[in-house]
Amino acid sequence: MFWDIVKAAGVPAVLFGVIVTTWVQIRSVKRGVQALLRDRLIQGYKHYQELGYADFDDRDNLENVYVQYHNLGANGVMDDLRGKFLSLPLEKKGSK
């Protein structure tokens, strides 16, 4: 009886509903992760800008975050911030 109801409702319609729901959820997760990565990039830049430098490990870490952000389909908004971050000195002034 259950399968008669499913057949009457239309298996393609049920599958389509599942696919649409899954797609919406995946898109939401992608956008959420992208928003978190964007926030991390902004906060990281502000932190290192206040310090006045970013050493090699700091650069490597934030560059990895940027690459993952970009791989999620970023639209270039963070490119300018990345450039500013990479232009920070590698050492604190006067530390030599």
Protein backbone atom coordinates (compact mmCIF):
# COMPACT_ATOMS: atom_id res chain seq x y z
CA MET A 1 0.00 0.00 0.00
CA PHE A 2 2.83 2.41 0.85
CA TRP A 3 4.41 1.88 -2.56
CA ASP A 4 1.08 2.46 -4.27
CA ILE A 5 0.94 5.89 -2.61
CA VAL A 6 4.53 6.66 -3.62
CA LYS A 7 3.81 5.61 -7.20
CA ALA A 8 0.66 7.71 -7.25
CA ALA A 9 2.55 10.74 -5.94
CA GLY A 10 5.21 10.17 -8.50
CA VAL A 11 8.67 8.91 -7.71
CA PRO A 12 10.26 11.56 -9.97
CA ALA A 13 8.52 14.32 -8.02
CA VAL A 14 9.74 12.89 -4.70
CA LEU A 15 13.30 12.54 -6.01
CA PHE A 16 13.19 16.06 -7.39
CA GLY A 17 12.13 17.36 -3.98
CA VAL A 18 14.98 15.51 -2.29
CA ILE A 19 17.48 16.83 -4.83
CA VAL A 20 16.29 20.42 -4.47
CA THR A 21 16.35 20.23 -0.66
CA THR A 22 19.87 18.76 -0.70
CA TRP A 23 21.09 21.39 -3.16
CA VAL A 24 19.71 24.22 -1.02
CA GLN A 25 21.38 22.79 2.07
CA ILE A 26 24.74 22.35 0.32
CA ARG A 27 24.57 25.90 -1.04
CA SER A 28 23.81 27.21 2.45
CA VAL A 29 26.74 25.32 3.97
CA LYS A 30 29.04 26.61 1.22
CA ARG A 31 27.94 30.19 1.81
CA GLY A 32 28.32 29.78 5.57
CA VAL A 33 31.85 28.41 5.27
CA GLN A 34 32.73 31.17 2.83
CA ALA A 35 31.41 33.80 5.26
CA LEU A 36 33.47 32.31 8.10
CA LEU A 37 36.61 32.24 5.96
CA ARG A 38 36.00 35.83 4.85
CA ASP A 39 35.62 36.91 8.46
CA ARG A 40 38.81 35.05 9.40
CA LEU A 41 40.71 36.81 6.61
CA ILE A 42 39.47 40.23 7.69
CA GLN A 43 40.21 39.60 11.38
CA GLY A 44 43.63 38.16 10.56
CA TYR A 45 44.54 41.13 8.42
CA LYS A 46 43.45 43.58 11.14
CA HIS A 47 45.48 41.70 13.75
CA TYR A 48 48.68 41.61 11.70
CA GLN A 49 48.22 45.19 10.55
CA GLU A 50 48.13 46.25 14.21
CA LEU A 51 51.28 44.22 14.89
CA GLY A 52 52.91 45.85 11.90
CA TYR A 53 54.23 42.61 10.42
CA ALA A 54 53.35 39.02 9.54
CA ASP A 55 56.02 36.34 9.59
CA PHE A 56 56.29 33.47 7.13
CA ASP A 57 54.05 31.10 9.12
CA ASP A 58 51.38 33.78 9.53
CA ARG A 59 51.43 34.43 5.79
CA ASP A 60 51.29 30.73 4.98
CA ASN A 61 48.32 30.25 7.30
CA LEU A 62 46.26 33.18 5.99
CA GLU A 63 47.21 32.38 2.39
CA ASN A 64 45.79 28.88 2.87
CA VAL A 65 42.56 30.38 4.22
CA TYR A 66 42.44 32.71 1.20
CA VAL A 67 42.95 29.83 -1.27
CA GLN A 68 40.11 27.84 0.30
CA TYR A 69 37.88 30.94 0.31
CA HIS A 70 38.71 31.54 -3.33
CA ASN A 71 38.06 27.87 -4.23
CA LEU A 72 34.52 28.23 -2.90
CA GLY A 73 33.80 30.70 -5.69
CA ALA A 74 34.92 34.01 -4.30
CA ASN A 75 34.25 37.01 -6.49
CA GLY A 76 37.49 38.92 -5.95
CA VAL A 77 36.31 41.04 -3.03
CA MET A 78 39.18 39.83 -0.84
CA ASP A 79 41.93 40.24 -3.45
CA ASP A 80 42.73 43.79 -2.34
CA LEU A 81 42.88 42.78 1.32
CA ARG A 82 45.15 39.86 0.44
CA GLY A 83 47.48 42.20 -1.41
CA LYS A 84 47.66 44.53 1.59
CA PHE A 85 48.33 41.59 3.90
CA LEU A 86 51.14 40.25 1.72
CA SER A 87 52.75 43.71 1.64
CA LEU A 88 53.23 43.68 5.42
CA PRO A 89 56.88 43.27 6.50
CA LEU A 90 58.07 39.79 7.50
CA GLU A 91 59.66 41.06 10.71
CA LYS A 92 58.79 43.60 13.34
CA LYS A 93 60.57 46.90 12.73
CA GLY A 94 63.74 47.19 14.72
CA SER A 95 63.90 43.45 15.55
CA LYS A 96 67.21 42.88 13.77
